[in-house]
Protein backbone atom coordinates (compact mmCIF):
# COMPACT_ATOMS: atom_id res chain seq x y z
CA MET A 1 -19.30 6.12 -31.15
CA ARG A 2 -15.90 7.56 -30.13
CA TYR A 3 -17.55 10.06 -27.73
CA ILE A 4 -19.61 7.38 -26.15
CA LEU A 5 -16.35 5.34 -25.48
CA ILE A 6 -14.65 8.48 -24.01
CA PHE A 7 -17.71 9.19 -21.85
CA ILE A 8 -17.79 5.60 -20.53
CA LEU A 9 -14.04 5.70 -19.87
CA GLY A 10 -14.50 9.02 -18.00
CA LEU A 11 -17.08 7.49 -15.83
CA SER A 12 -14.93 4.60 -14.90
CA ILE A 13 -11.66 6.45 -14.01
CA PRO A 14 -12.97 7.95 -10.71
CA ASN A 15 -13.95 4.53 -9.54
CA LEU A 16 -10.30 3.44 -9.76
CA CYS A 17 -9.44 6.09 -7.16
CA PHE A 18 -11.75 4.49 -4.62
CA ALA A 19 -10.42 0.93 -5.01
CA TRP A 20 -8.14 1.42 -1.95
CA ASP A 21 -8.88 2.23 1.63
CA GLY A 22 -5.81 4.44 1.66
CA THR A 23 -3.20 6.03 -0.69
CA VAL A 24 -0.39 7.78 1.20
CA ALA A 25 2.99 8.94 -0.08
CA GLY A 26 6.12 9.43 2.09
CA THR A 27 9.62 8.29 2.88
CA ILE A 28 9.92 4.83 4.70
CA ASN A 29 10.74 5.39 8.36
CA THR A 30 10.95 1.90 9.86
CA ILE A 31 10.94 -1.72 8.66
CA ASP A 32 10.09 -4.64 10.87
CA VAL A 33 10.30 -8.22 9.96
CA THR A 34 8.70 -11.20 11.66
CA HIS A 35 7.18 -14.61 10.83
CA GLY A 36 5.69 -14.70 7.31
CA GLN A 37 2.10 -15.04 8.14
CA ASN A 38 2.17 -12.72 11.17
CA TYR A 39 2.05 -9.45 9.20
CA GLY A 40 5.58 -10.50 8.27
CA PHE A 41 6.96 -7.34 6.64
CA ARG A 42 5.86 -4.07 8.19
CA ILE A 43 6.67 -0.55 7.31
CA THR A 44 5.90 2.99 8.69
CA LEU A 45 6.30 6.31 6.88
CA LYS A 46 8.07 9.31 8.35
CA GLY A 47 5.76 11.56 10.16
CA GLY A 48 3.51 8.78 11.28
CA ALA A 49 1.07 8.92 8.45
CA LYS A 50 -2.23 7.02 8.75
CA LEU A 51 -2.23 4.58 6.04
CA CYS A 52 -5.64 3.06 5.25
CA GLY A 53 -8.47 5.30 6.60
CA ASN A 54 -8.02 4.38 10.27
CA ASN A 55 -5.50 5.05 13.05
CA HIS A 56 -2.95 2.46 11.92
CA THR A 57 0.44 3.97 11.01
CA TRP A 58 2.00 0.79 9.69
CA ALA A 59 1.28 -1.48 6.77
CA TYR A 60 2.33 -5.01 6.08
CA LEU A 61 2.97 -7.78 3.61
CA ASN A 62 2.65 -11.55 4.22
CA ASP A 63 5.02 -14.01 2.55
CA SER A 64 1.98 -15.60 0.82
CA ASP A 65 1.15 -12.31 -0.99
CA SER A 66 1.42 -12.31 -4.77
CA ASN A 67 4.72 -10.89 -5.85
CA TYR A 68 5.96 -10.70 -2.26
CA GLN A 69 9.63 -10.88 -3.01
CA VAL A 70 9.45 -8.05 -5.59
CA LEU A 71 7.33 -5.91 -3.19
CA VAL A 72 9.72 -6.38 -0.33
CA SER A 73 12.78 -5.70 -2.61
CA THR A 74 11.23 -2.62 -3.90
CA LEU A 75 10.48 -1.26 -0.38
CA LEU A 76 14.01 -2.09 0.94
CA ALA A 77 15.54 -0.34 -2.17
CA ALA A 78 13.33 2.65 -1.62
CA LYS A 79 14.38 2.79 2.18
CA MET A 80 18.13 2.55 1.28
CA ALA A 81 17.83 5.19 -1.54
CA GLY A 82 15.70 7.52 0.66
CA SER A 83 13.20 7.65 -2.19
CA SER A 84 9.55 8.56 -1.61
CA VAL A 85 6.93 5.80 -2.15
CA ARG A 86 3.21 5.87 -2.46
CA LEU A 87 1.48 3.02 -0.86
CA TYR A 88 -1.97 1.79 -1.81
CA THR A 89 -3.55 -0.10 1.19
CA ASN A 90 -6.65 -1.92 2.11
CA GLN A 91 -8.01 -2.73 5.58
CA GLU A 92 -7.61 -6.52 6.29
CA GLN A 93 -10.81 -8.08 7.74
CA ASN A 94 -9.48 -11.36 9.19
CA SER A 95 -8.22 -10.10 12.57
CA GLY A 96 -10.96 -7.76 13.37
CA ASN A 97 -8.28 -4.90 13.74
CA SER A 98 -8.40 -3.59 10.16
CA TYR A 99 -4.58 -3.59 9.75
CA CYS A 100 -3.25 -2.00 6.56
CA HIS A 101 -2.43 -4.46 3.96
CA ILE A 102 -0.20 -3.20 1.02
CA GLY A 103 -1.69 -3.89 -2.40
CA TYR A 104 0.41 -1.76 -4.68
CA ILE A 105 3.59 0.45 -4.41
CA SER A 106 4.89 3.33 -6.53
CA VAL A 107 8.42 4.58 -5.97
CA HIS A 108 9.12 8.25 -6.90
């Protein structure tokens, strides 16, 4: 029974890696802020990394995103400390431009 559970777990782990359109690590280069629902908090990484499987080099958060204040605070702290971040992003589908929406952040 234990081997069956380990096998099932092993099959499910690779699928977690494909839950995001992009996972990119780097140091934050710029932060831009505008109206809350207009891709309100935007960042780029040093080196102009493409962030979600297309040509966009910026990713965003809107003020209606779950845990918005913590995500923004984390990104600001990482920028000030010069820490590396890993961004997990998905392409949004509302605008037709497939902008990169931040869904998860890891600070290193």
